[in-house]
């Protein structure tokens, strides 16, 4: 069953725990995961081409000089310490 067009499309960077992916999918989000070793350039291209909001722990994606906000459907830079699964998941749902 494919997600409805109104479902938020997310792109989880390789550093987002797999369990967070699964929890987001269970909540009905259309989630795609980046494979390990994919370049940041490819990650940003995929986010733009598929209109997916990027979720990442990589600080450099928060640099608006490198990743201009108007070019992307969204970039969520997660900064939760320690990055516990429940805390990360709850924060994303509240967002």
C-alpha atoms as a PDB file:
ATOM      1  CA  UNK A   1       0.000   0.000   0.000  1.00  0.00           C
ATOM      2  CA  UNK A   2       1.515   3.329  -1.025  1.00  0.00           C
ATOM      3  CA  UNK A   3       1.204   6.395   1.208  1.00  0.00           C
ATOM      4  CA  UNK A   4      -1.392   9.023   0.362  1.00  0.00           C
ATOM      5  CA  UNK A   5      -0.136  12.252  -1.262  1.00  0.00           C
ATOM      6  CA  UNK A   6      -0.867  14.224   1.917  1.00  0.00           C
ATOM      7  CA  UNK A   7       1.571  12.136   3.980  1.00  0.00           C
ATOM      8  CA  UNK A   8       4.770  13.969   4.891  1.00  0.00           C
ATOM      9  CA  UNK A   9       7.716  12.475   3.015  1.00  0.00           C
ATOM     10  CA  UNK A  10      10.862  12.104   5.116  1.00  0.00           C
ATOM     11  CA  UNK A  11      14.458  11.236   4.296  1.00  0.00           C
ATOM     12  CA  UNK A  12      16.441   9.873   7.241  1.00  0.00           C
ATOM     13  CA  UNK A  13      20.180  10.292   7.045  1.00  0.00           C
ATOM     14  CA  UNK A  14      22.330   7.251   7.786  1.00  0.00           C
ATOM     15  CA  UNK A  15      23.053   8.554  11.304  1.00  0.00           C
ATOM     16  CA  UNK A  16      19.383   8.483  12.368  1.00  0.00           C
ATOM     17  CA  UNK A  17      18.745   5.249  14.303  1.00  0.00           C
ATOM     18  CA  UNK A  18      16.891   2.572  12.303  1.00  0.00           C
ATOM     19  CA  UNK A  19      14.381   2.259  15.125  1.00  0.00           C
ATOM     20  CA  UNK A  20      13.386   5.916  14.629  1.00  0.00           C
ATOM     21  CA  UNK A  21      12.712   5.103  10.951  1.00  0.00           C
ATOM     22  CA  UNK A  22      10.444   2.237  11.944  1.00  0.00           C
ATOM     23  CA  UNK A  23       8.567   4.295  14.533  1.00  0.00           C
ATOM     24  CA  UNK A  24       7.963   7.093  12.011  1.00  0.00           C
ATOM     25  CA  UNK A  25       6.693   4.569   9.455  1.00  0.00           C
ATOM     26  CA  UNK A  26       4.313   3.100  12.040  1.00  0.00           C
ATOM     27  CA  UNK A  27       2.927   6.602  12.573  1.00  0.00           C
ATOM     28  CA  UNK A  28       2.117   6.761   8.856  1.00  0.00           C
ATOM     29  CA  UNK A  29       4.990   8.835   7.488  1.00  0.00           C
ATOM     30  CA  UNK A  30       6.534   8.011   4.101  1.00  0.00           C
ATOM     31  CA  UNK A  31      10.129   7.361   5.208  1.00  0.00           C
ATOM     32  CA  UNK A  32      13.159   6.648   3.051  1.00  0.00           C
ATOM     33  CA  UNK A  33      16.587   5.923   4.536  1.00  0.00           C
ATOM     34  CA  UNK A  34      19.982   6.941   3.194  1.00  0.00           C
ATOM     35  CA  UNK A  35      22.403   4.053   2.800  1.00  0.00           C
ATOM     36  CA  UNK A  36      25.717   4.202   4.588  1.00  0.00           C
ATOM     37  CA  UNK A  37      28.438   6.042   2.693  1.00  0.00           C
ATOM     38  CA  UNK A  38      26.212   8.150   0.414  1.00  0.00           C
ATOM     39  CA  UNK A  39      27.737  11.590  -0.157  1.00  0.00           C
ATOM     40  CA  UNK A  40      26.125  14.702   1.289  1.00  0.00           C
ATOM     41  CA  UNK A  41      25.673  15.982  -2.258  1.00  0.00           C
ATOM     42  CA  UNK A  42      23.599  12.901  -3.164  1.00  0.00           C
ATOM     43  CA  UNK A  43      21.617  13.220   0.073  1.00  0.00           C
ATOM     44  CA  UNK A  44      20.712  16.827  -0.702  1.00  0.00           C
ATOM     45  CA  UNK A  45      19.876  15.960  -4.343  1.00  0.00           C
ATOM     46  CA  UNK A  46      17.552  13.157  -3.220  1.00  0.00           C
ATOM     47  CA  UNK A  47      15.844  15.438  -0.716  1.00  0.00           C
ATOM     48  CA  UNK A  48      15.157  17.988  -3.442  1.00  0.00           C
ATOM     49  CA  UNK A  49      14.239  15.597  -6.261  1.00  0.00           C
ATOM     50  CA  UNK A  50      11.789  13.572  -4.151  1.00  0.00           C
ATOM     51  CA  UNK A  51      10.515  16.527  -2.066  1.00  0.00           C
ATOM     52  CA  UNK A  52      11.519  14.827   1.172  1.00  0.00           C
ATOM     53  CA  UNK A  53      12.280  16.571   4.454  1.00  0.00           C
ATOM     54  CA  UNK A  54      15.773  15.542   5.546  1.00  0.00           C
ATOM     55  CA  UNK A  55      16.231  14.382   9.141  1.00  0.00           C
ATOM     56  CA  UNK A  56      19.874  14.312  10.218  1.00  0.00           C
ATOM     57  CA  UNK A  57      22.279  14.547  13.125  1.00  0.00           C
ATOM     58  CA  UNK A  58      24.951  16.069  10.834  1.00  0.00           C
ATOM     59  CA  UNK A  59      25.603  19.632  11.941  1.00  0.00           C
ATOM     60  CA  UNK A  60      26.782  20.841   8.531  1.00  0.00           C
ATOM     61  CA  UNK A  61      23.273  20.389   7.065  1.00  0.00           C
ATOM     62  CA  UNK A  62      22.212  23.215   9.404  1.00  0.00           C
ATOM     63  CA  UNK A  63      24.617  25.575   7.620  1.00  0.00           C
ATOM     64  CA  UNK A  64      22.278  27.792   5.583  1.00  0.00           C
ATOM     65  CA  UNK A  65      25.199  29.072   3.495  1.00  0.00           C
ATOM     66  CA  UNK A  66      25.811  25.545   2.189  1.00  0.00           C
ATOM     67  CA  UNK A  67      22.201  24.319   2.183  1.00  0.00           C
ATOM     68  CA  UNK A  68      19.924  27.228   1.303  1.00  0.00           C
ATOM     69  CA  UNK A  69      16.541  26.660   3.033  1.00  0.00           C
ATOM     70  CA  UNK A  70      14.511  27.833   0.035  1.00  0.00           C
ATOM     71  CA  UNK A  71      15.904  24.954  -2.073  1.00  0.00           C
ATOM     72  CA  UNK A  72      14.696  22.164   0.212  1.00  0.00           C
ATOM     73  CA  UNK A  73      11.320  20.955   1.426  1.00  0.00           C
ATOM     74  CA  UNK A  74      12.930  21.037   4.867  1.00  0.00           C
ATOM     75  CA  UNK A  75      15.996  20.028   6.842  1.00  0.00           C
ATOM     76  CA  UNK A  76      15.581  18.899  10.424  1.00  0.00           C
ATOM     77  CA  UNK A  77      18.887  18.977  12.253  1.00  0.00           C
ATOM     78  CA  UNK A  78      18.417  16.928  15.416  1.00  0.00           C
ATOM     79  CA  UNK A  79      20.472  18.016  18.382  1.00  0.00           C
ATOM     80  CA  UNK A  80      19.388  15.951  21.355  1.00  0.00           C
ATOM     81  CA  UNK A  81      21.936  14.930  23.946  1.00  0.00           C
ATOM     82  CA  UNK A  82      22.159  12.073  24.492  1.00  0.00           C
ATOM     83  CA  UNK A  83      20.429  11.059  21.238  1.00  0.00           C
ATOM     84  CA  UNK A  84      18.090   8.512  22.784  1.00  0.00           C
ATOM     85  CA  UNK A  85      15.573   6.894  20.463  1.00  0.00           C
ATOM     86  CA  UNK A  86      12.489   7.820  22.507  1.00  0.00           C
ATOM     87  CA  UNK A  87      13.606  11.435  22.965  1.00  0.00           C
ATOM     88  CA  UNK A  88      14.417  11.793  19.262  1.00  0.00           C
ATOM     89  CA  UNK A  89      11.135  10.195  18.166  1.00  0.00           C
ATOM     90  CA  UNK A  90       9.053  12.286  20.595  1.00  0.00           C
ATOM     91  CA  UNK A  91      10.794  15.488  19.464  1.00  0.00           C
ATOM     92  CA  UNK A  92      10.120  14.684  15.797  1.00  0.00           C
ATOM     93  CA  UNK A  93       6.445  13.978  16.482  1.00  0.00           C
ATOM     94  CA  UNK A  94       6.105  17.247  18.403  1.00  0.00           C
ATOM     95  CA  UNK A  95       7.729  19.124  15.534  1.00  0.00           C
END
